[in-house]
Each structure stands twice: as C-alpha cells, then as structure tokens.
Amino acid sequence: MAFMGDTPYMKFPFRVGESGVEVSDRIRHVREQVEQVLYTDPGERVFRPEFGAGLRALVFEPNNSALRELSRKRLTHSLTEALRGEVDPRSLNIEVQPRNGAGSELVIVISYTLTAVRHEERQEFEVSF
C-alpha cells in the first residue's frame, strides 16, 4: 500500500528525461502548483480563464501599500482556489512586502500546511520592478 505522499506527479514545468516523464513527490508538486498560480496571468489558460494571479503584471505597477494589499488578496483567492483539497485553507498565509524598504522589489512569502500529510511549507518569491 502506497503512502499518499509517495504518489508521483508530473513535474512542472513539464519535462521528459531519459527514463520518460519527470515526476515530483506530493510536497514538491504543491510547490510547483504555487509557482504556476503566481506566474500565470488570468485568462492565459483557455479552459480555466480565472486561473492565475498575474504576478508578472506587477512589474508595471507602482510599489506601494495599496498594490501590496491588492496583490495579497488576489494571491489568497487564486491559491485558495487552485490548492483546494491539497492545502488547509485556514493555514494559508500570504505576506507581500517591500524588500528591505527598497521601492523596486517585492517579497512574497507564502506558507501553508498540506492537508493529507500535515506538512508545513514556506516559500519566498522576489519580484523586481
């Protein structure tokens, strides 16, 4: 009997190696899902137009508190929807803050707990303007 954390998932971005399709374990798969949500623009996926947080679009916006709060809300909504069933929604915490007070970079910190395996995870992303 296989443990739920041992199930192989197709790696993101999709790759084919010498032995076939490359795979990730469950914990890495959820990390890759977070990256997909962050870097996919809403409307980019044909059959899921609501998918994505559009992080790349922030490059063209002013780095101020209103943008950070809007980004945090957009990310919370997008990640809650995309990670339903994988992540305990009560554990999802998103922080959007300037890097060391610099006006040209944002730091996005995402933490969550995987529902099935009770594994806590924390990821940090930097966005430069």
N, C-alpha and C. Protein backbone atom coordinates (compact mmCIF):
# COMPACT_ATOMS: atom_id res chain seq x y z
N MET A 1 0.85 -1.17 0.00
CA MET A 1 0.00 0.00 0.00
C MET A 1 0.90 1.24 0.00
N ALA A 2 0.63 2.16 -0.92
CA ALA A 2 1.45 3.37 -1.06
C ALA A 2 0.93 4.47 -0.13
N PHE A 3 1.85 5.18 0.45
CA PHE A 3 1.53 6.35 1.27
C PHE A 3 1.13 7.49 0.34
N MET A 4 0.17 8.33 0.76
CA MET A 4 -0.33 9.41 -0.11
C MET A 4 0.78 10.34 -0.56
N GLY A 5 1.80 10.52 0.24
CA GLY A 5 2.91 11.40 -0.11
C GLY A 5 3.85 10.78 -1.13
N ASP A 6 3.70 9.47 -1.41
CA ASP A 6 4.59 8.78 -2.34
C ASP A 6 4.08 8.76 -3.78
N THR A 7 2.89 9.27 -4.03
CA THR A 7 2.31 9.25 -5.37
C THR A 7 3.11 10.17 -6.28
N PRO A 8 3.53 9.69 -7.46
CA PRO A 8 4.28 10.56 -8.37
C PRO A 8 3.33 11.50 -9.15
N TYR A 9 3.76 12.73 -9.34
CA TYR A 9 3.02 13.73 -10.10
C TYR A 9 3.91 14.24 -11.22
N MET A 10 3.33 14.61 -12.36
CA MET A 10 4.13 15.18 -13.44
C MET A 10 4.77 16.49 -12.97
N LYS A 11 6.04 16.63 -13.26
CA LYS A 11 6.81 17.80 -12.85
C LYS A 11 6.36 19.04 -13.61
N PHE A 12 6.43 20.19 -12.93
CA PHE A 12 6.19 21.48 -13.58
C PHE A 12 7.47 22.29 -13.51
N PRO A 13 7.95 22.87 -14.59
CA PRO A 13 7.39 22.71 -15.92
C PRO A 13 7.62 21.29 -16.44
N PHE A 14 6.73 20.87 -17.33
CA PHE A 14 6.74 19.53 -17.89
C PHE A 14 8.07 19.25 -18.56
N ARG A 15 8.66 18.08 -18.23
CA ARG A 15 9.95 17.68 -18.82
C ARG A 15 9.93 16.19 -19.10
N VAL A 16 10.63 15.82 -20.16
CA VAL A 16 10.82 14.41 -20.47
C VAL A 16 12.32 14.14 -20.39
N GLY A 17 12.69 13.19 -19.54
CA GLY A 17 14.08 12.83 -19.38
C GLY A 17 14.39 11.52 -20.09
N GLU A 18 15.55 10.96 -19.81
CA GLU A 18 15.96 9.70 -20.44
C GLU A 18 15.02 8.55 -20.10
N SER A 19 14.45 8.56 -18.89
CA SER A 19 13.58 7.45 -18.48
C SER A 19 12.10 7.79 -18.63
N GLY A 20 11.79 8.86 -19.33
CA GLY A 20 10.38 9.23 -19.55
C GLY A 20 10.04 10.55 -18.88
N VAL A 21 8.75 10.72 -18.60
CA VAL A 21 8.27 11.96 -17.99
C VAL A 21 8.85 12.10 -16.59
N GLU A 22 9.40 13.28 -16.29
CA GLU A 22 9.95 13.52 -14.95
C GLU A 22 8.80 13.78 -13.98
N VAL A 23 8.99 13.31 -12.74
CA VAL A 23 7.93 13.40 -11.75
C VAL A 23 8.41 14.08 -10.46
N SER A 24 7.43 14.52 -9.67
CA SER A 24 7.70 15.13 -8.36
C SER A 24 6.91 14.37 -7.31
N ASP A 25 7.37 14.47 -6.06
CA ASP A 25 6.57 13.92 -4.97
C ASP A 25 5.48 14.93 -4.61
N ARG A 26 4.61 14.58 -3.69
CA ARG A 26 3.46 15.43 -3.36
C ARG A 26 3.86 16.82 -2.86
N ILE A 27 4.83 16.89 -1.97
CA ILE A 27 5.25 18.18 -1.40
C ILE A 27 5.80 19.08 -2.49
N ARG A 28 6.67 18.55 -3.34
CA ARG A 28 7.24 19.33 -4.44
C ARG A 28 6.15 19.71 -5.45
N HIS A 29 5.20 18.82 -5.67
CA HIS A 29 4.10 19.09 -6.61
C HIS A 29 3.28 20.30 -6.17
N VAL A 30 2.99 20.42 -4.88
CA VAL A 30 2.23 21.57 -4.38
C VAL A 30 3.07 22.84 -4.53
N ARG A 31 4.37 22.78 -4.28
CA ARG A 31 5.25 23.94 -4.51
C ARG A 31 5.18 24.38 -5.97
N GLU A 32 5.20 23.41 -6.86
CA GLU A 32 5.13 23.72 -8.29
C GLU A 32 3.77 24.31 -8.66
N GLN A 33 2.70 23.85 -8.00
CA GLN A 33 1.38 24.43 -8.24
C GLN A 33 1.34 25.90 -7.83
N VAL A 34 1.98 26.22 -6.70
CA VAL A 34 2.04 27.62 -6.24
C VAL A 34 2.73 28.47 -7.31
N GLU A 35 3.84 27.99 -7.86
CA GLU A 35 4.54 28.73 -8.91
C GLU A 35 3.66 28.92 -10.13
N GLN A 36 2.90 27.90 -10.50
CA GLN A 36 2.00 28.02 -11.65
C GLN A 36 0.99 29.13 -11.43
N VAL A 37 0.41 29.19 -10.24
CA VAL A 37 -0.58 30.22 -9.93
C VAL A 37 0.06 31.60 -9.98
N LEU A 38 1.23 31.75 -9.38
CA LEU A 38 1.89 33.06 -9.33
C LEU A 38 2.24 33.59 -10.72
N TYR A 39 2.76 32.74 -11.57
CA TYR A 39 3.29 33.20 -12.85
C TYR A 39 2.35 33.02 -14.03
N THR A 40 1.12 32.61 -13.79
CA THR A 40 0.12 32.52 -14.86
C THR A 40 -0.80 33.73 -14.77
N ASP A 41 -1.03 34.37 -15.90
CA ASP A 41 -1.94 35.52 -15.94
C ASP A 41 -3.38 35.04 -16.07
N PRO A 42 -4.32 35.70 -15.37
CA PRO A 42 -5.73 35.35 -15.57
C PRO A 42 -6.08 35.47 -17.05
N GLY A 43 -6.80 34.47 -17.56
CA GLY A 43 -7.16 34.45 -18.98
C GLY A 43 -6.15 33.74 -19.86
N GLU A 44 -5.00 33.39 -19.32
CA GLU A 44 -3.95 32.73 -20.11
C GLU A 44 -4.31 31.28 -20.44
N ARG A 45 -5.01 30.61 -19.55
CA ARG A 45 -5.42 29.22 -19.79
C ARG A 45 -6.82 29.20 -20.40
N VAL A 46 -6.94 28.54 -21.53
CA VAL A 46 -8.18 28.57 -22.30
C VAL A 46 -9.37 28.03 -21.52
N PHE A 47 -9.23 26.89 -20.89
CA PHE A 47 -10.37 26.26 -20.21
C PHE A 47 -10.47 26.64 -18.74
N ARG A 48 -9.55 27.45 -18.26
CA ARG A 48 -9.59 27.95 -16.88
C ARG A 48 -9.21 29.43 -16.87
N PRO A 49 -10.06 30.30 -17.42
CA PRO A 49 -9.70 31.72 -17.54
C PRO A 49 -9.51 32.43 -16.21
N GLU A 50 -10.08 31.91 -15.14
CA GLU A 50 -9.94 32.54 -13.83
C GLU A 50 -8.65 32.13 -13.11
N PHE A 51 -7.94 31.14 -13.65
CA PHE A 51 -6.73 30.61 -13.02
C PHE A 51 -5.59 31.61 -13.13
N GLY A 52 -4.85 31.78 -12.05
CA GLY A 52 -3.63 32.58 -12.07
C GLY A 52 -3.77 33.88 -11.30
N ALA A 53 -2.62 34.37 -10.84
CA ALA A 53 -2.58 35.61 -10.07
C ALA A 53 -1.94 36.76 -10.84
N GLY A 54 -1.31 36.47 -11.96
CA GLY A 54 -0.74 37.53 -12.79
C GLY A 54 0.40 38.30 -12.15
N LEU A 55 1.29 37.61 -11.49
CA LEU A 55 2.39 38.25 -10.78
C LEU A 55 3.29 39.06 -11.70
N ARG A 56 3.48 38.60 -12.93
CA ARG A 56 4.35 39.33 -13.87
C ARG A 56 3.84 40.73 -14.18
N ALA A 57 2.52 40.92 -14.10
CA ALA A 57 1.95 42.24 -14.39
C ALA A 57 2.34 43.29 -13.34
N LEU A 58 2.78 42.84 -12.18
CA LEU A 58 3.17 43.79 -11.13
C LEU A 58 4.38 44.63 -11.52
N VAL A 59 5.14 44.14 -12.47
CA VAL A 59 6.34 44.86 -12.92
C VAL A 59 5.97 46.26 -13.40
N PHE A 60 4.75 46.43 -13.90
CA PHE A 60 4.34 47.71 -14.47
C PHE A 60 3.54 48.57 -13.50
N GLU A 61 3.45 48.16 -12.25
CA GLU A 61 2.66 48.88 -11.26
C GLU A 61 3.58 49.56 -10.23
N PRO A 62 3.10 50.64 -9.60
CA PRO A 62 3.91 51.29 -8.55
C PRO A 62 3.95 50.41 -7.30
N ASN A 63 5.08 50.37 -6.66
CA ASN A 63 5.25 49.56 -5.45
C ASN A 63 4.81 50.39 -4.24
N ASN A 64 3.54 50.26 -3.87
CA ASN A 64 3.02 50.98 -2.71
C ASN A 64 2.13 50.05 -1.89
N SER A 65 1.65 50.53 -0.76
CA SER A 65 0.88 49.68 0.14
C SER A 65 -0.43 49.20 -0.49
N ALA A 66 -1.06 50.03 -1.32
CA ALA A 66 -2.31 49.61 -1.97
C ALA A 66 -2.06 48.44 -2.92
N LEU A 67 -0.97 48.49 -3.68
CA LEU A 67 -0.63 47.40 -4.59
C LEU A 67 -0.32 46.12 -3.81
N ARG A 68 0.40 46.26 -2.72
CA ARG A 68 0.74 45.08 -1.91
C ARG A 68 -0.52 44.42 -1.34
N GLU A 69 -1.47 45.21 -0.86
CA GLU A 69 -2.70 44.64 -0.31
C GLU A 69 -3.55 44.01 -1.40
N LEU A 70 -3.66 44.66 -2.55
CA LEU A 70 -4.40 44.10 -3.67
C LEU A 70 -3.76 42.79 -4.13
N SER A 71 -2.45 42.77 -4.20
CA SER A 71 -1.72 41.56 -4.60
C SER A 71 -1.94 40.44 -3.59
N ARG A 72 -1.91 40.76 -2.30
CA ARG A 72 -2.12 39.75 -1.27
C ARG A 72 -3.52 39.14 -1.40
N LYS A 73 -4.53 39.97 -1.62
CA LYS A 73 -5.91 39.47 -1.76
C LYS A 73 -6.05 38.62 -3.02
N ARG A 74 -5.46 39.07 -4.12
CA ARG A 74 -5.53 38.31 -5.37
C ARG A 74 -4.85 36.96 -5.23
N LEU A 75 -3.68 36.95 -4.59
CA LEU A 75 -2.96 35.70 -4.37
C LEU A 75 -3.73 34.76 -3.44
N THR A 76 -4.31 35.31 -2.39
CA THR A 76 -5.09 34.48 -1.46
C THR A 76 -6.23 33.81 -2.18
N HIS A 77 -6.97 34.57 -2.98
CA HIS A 77 -8.09 34.00 -3.71
C HIS A 77 -7.62 32.94 -4.71
N SER A 78 -6.61 33.26 -5.50
CA SER A 78 -6.13 32.33 -6.52
C SER A 78 -5.56 31.05 -5.93
N LEU A 79 -4.76 31.19 -4.88
CA LEU A 79 -4.15 30.00 -4.27
C LEU A 79 -5.17 29.15 -3.53
N THR A 80 -6.12 29.78 -2.87
CA THR A 80 -7.16 29.02 -2.18
C THR A 80 -7.92 28.15 -3.17
N GLU A 81 -8.25 28.73 -4.31
CA GLU A 81 -8.98 28.00 -5.35
C GLU A 81 -8.12 26.89 -5.96
N ALA A 82 -6.89 27.21 -6.33
CA ALA A 82 -6.03 26.25 -7.03
C ALA A 82 -5.56 25.10 -6.13
N LEU A 83 -5.42 25.36 -4.83
CA LEU A 83 -4.88 24.34 -3.92
C LEU A 83 -5.96 23.65 -3.10
N ARG A 84 -7.22 23.85 -3.47
CA ARG A 84 -8.33 23.23 -2.75
C ARG A 84 -8.13 21.72 -2.67
N GLY A 85 -8.23 21.19 -1.48
CA GLY A 85 -8.05 19.76 -1.26
C GLY A 85 -6.62 19.38 -0.91
N GLU A 86 -5.66 20.17 -1.32
CA GLU A 86 -4.25 19.89 -1.03
C GLU A 86 -3.79 20.62 0.22
N VAL A 87 -4.24 21.87 0.37
CA VAL A 87 -3.77 22.75 1.44
C VAL A 87 -4.94 23.11 2.34
N ASP A 88 -4.70 23.08 3.65
CA ASP A 88 -5.70 23.51 4.61
C ASP A 88 -5.88 25.02 4.43
N PRO A 89 -7.07 25.49 3.98
CA PRO A 89 -7.24 26.92 3.70
C PRO A 89 -7.02 27.82 4.92
N ARG A 90 -7.25 27.28 6.11
CA ARG A 90 -7.02 28.08 7.33
C ARG A 90 -5.54 28.31 7.57
N SER A 91 -4.69 27.48 6.99
CA SER A 91 -3.25 27.60 7.21
C SER A 91 -2.57 28.49 6.17
N LEU A 92 -3.28 28.84 5.11
CA LEU A 92 -2.70 29.64 4.04
C LEU A 92 -2.44 31.06 4.52
N ASN A 93 -1.18 31.47 4.49
CA ASN A 93 -0.80 32.81 4.93
C ASN A 93 0.08 33.42 3.85
N ILE A 94 -0.28 34.64 3.41
CA ILE A 94 0.46 35.31 2.35
C ILE A 94 0.87 36.69 2.83
N GLU A 95 2.15 36.98 2.70
CA GLU A 95 2.69 38.30 3.04
C GLU A 95 3.30 38.90 1.78
N VAL A 96 2.98 40.15 1.52
CA VAL A 96 3.57 40.88 0.40
C VAL A 96 4.20 42.13 0.99
N GLN A 97 5.51 42.26 0.85
CA GLN A 97 6.21 43.37 1.49
C GLN A 97 7.37 43.84 0.62
N PRO A 98 7.80 45.09 0.79
CA PRO A 98 8.97 45.56 0.04
C PRO A 98 10.24 44.90 0.59
N ARG A 99 11.21 44.70 -0.27
CA ARG A 99 12.50 44.10 0.14
C ARG A 99 13.34 45.18 0.81
N ASN A 100 13.59 45.06 2.10
CA ASN A 100 14.46 45.98 2.85
C ASN A 100 14.14 47.45 2.58
N GLY A 101 12.85 47.75 2.43
CA GLY A 101 12.44 49.13 2.22
C GLY A 101 12.69 49.64 0.81
N ALA A 102 13.27 48.80 -0.06
CA ALA A 102 13.55 49.23 -1.43
C ALA A 102 12.25 49.33 -2.22
N GLY A 103 12.13 50.35 -3.04
CA GLY A 103 10.91 50.55 -3.81
C GLY A 103 10.84 49.74 -5.08
N SER A 104 11.89 49.01 -5.43
CA SER A 104 11.91 48.31 -6.70
C SER A 104 11.76 46.79 -6.59
N GLU A 105 11.54 46.28 -5.39
CA GLU A 105 11.39 44.83 -5.22
C GLU A 105 10.29 44.52 -4.21
N LEU A 106 9.56 43.45 -4.50
CA LEU A 106 8.58 42.91 -3.58
C LEU A 106 9.02 41.52 -3.16
N VAL A 107 8.72 41.16 -1.93
CA VAL A 107 8.95 39.81 -1.44
C VAL A 107 7.58 39.24 -1.11
N ILE A 108 7.29 38.07 -1.66
CA ILE A 108 6.04 37.39 -1.40
C ILE A 108 6.37 36.12 -0.64
N VAL A 109 5.83 36.02 0.57
CA VAL A 109 6.07 34.85 1.41
C VAL A 109 4.74 34.11 1.54
N ILE A 110 4.76 32.84 1.17
CA ILE A 110 3.56 32.01 1.20
C ILE A 110 3.84 30.83 2.11
N SER A 111 2.99 30.65 3.11
CA SER A 111 3.13 29.48 3.99
C SER A 111 1.79 28.78 4.07
N TYR A 112 1.85 27.46 4.25
CA TYR A 112 0.64 26.63 4.26
C TYR A 112 0.96 25.27 4.86
N THR A 113 -0.10 24.52 5.14
CA THR A 113 0.04 23.15 5.64
C THR A 113 -0.69 22.21 4.67
N LEU A 114 0.01 21.16 4.24
CA LEU A 114 -0.62 20.17 3.38
C LEU A 114 -1.63 19.37 4.20
N THR A 115 -2.84 19.26 3.71
CA THR A 115 -3.93 18.64 4.44
C THR A 115 -3.66 17.17 4.75
N ALA A 116 -3.32 16.38 3.75
CA ALA A 116 -3.22 14.93 3.92
C ALA A 116 -2.03 14.49 4.75
N VAL A 117 -0.90 15.16 4.60
CA VAL A 117 0.31 14.71 5.28
C VAL A 117 0.75 15.63 6.41
N ARG A 118 -0.02 16.70 6.67
CA ARG A 118 0.24 17.65 7.76
C ARG A 118 1.67 18.21 7.71
N HIS A 119 2.15 18.45 6.51
CA HIS A 119 3.48 19.00 6.31
C HIS A 119 3.37 20.52 6.15
N GLU A 120 4.16 21.26 6.94
CA GLU A 120 4.16 22.73 6.84
C GLU A 120 5.22 23.16 5.84
N GLU A 121 4.87 24.14 5.04
CA GLU A 121 5.75 24.60 3.97
C GLU A 121 5.77 26.13 3.97
N ARG A 122 6.92 26.69 3.57
CA ARG A 122 7.07 28.14 3.44
C ARG A 122 7.89 28.42 2.20
N GLN A 123 7.37 29.29 1.33
CA GLN A 123 8.07 29.65 0.10
C GLN A 123 8.22 31.16 0.02
N GLU A 124 9.31 31.61 -0.56
CA GLU A 124 9.56 33.03 -0.72
C GLU A 124 9.88 33.33 -2.19
N PHE A 125 9.22 34.36 -2.73
CA PHE A 125 9.41 34.77 -4.11
C PHE A 125 9.77 36.24 -4.13
N GLU A 126 10.67 36.64 -5.04
CA GLU A 126 11.03 38.04 -5.19
C GLU A 126 10.56 38.52 -6.56
N VAL A 127 9.99 39.73 -6.58
CA VAL A 127 9.56 40.35 -7.82
C VAL A 127 10.29 41.68 -7.93
N SER A 128 11.02 41.86 -9.02
CA SER A 128 11.74 43.12 -9.25
C SER A 128 10.97 43.98 -10.22
N PHE A 129 11.00 45.29 -9.98
CA PHE A 129 10.31 46.23 -10.84
C PHE A 129 11.29 46.94 -11.73
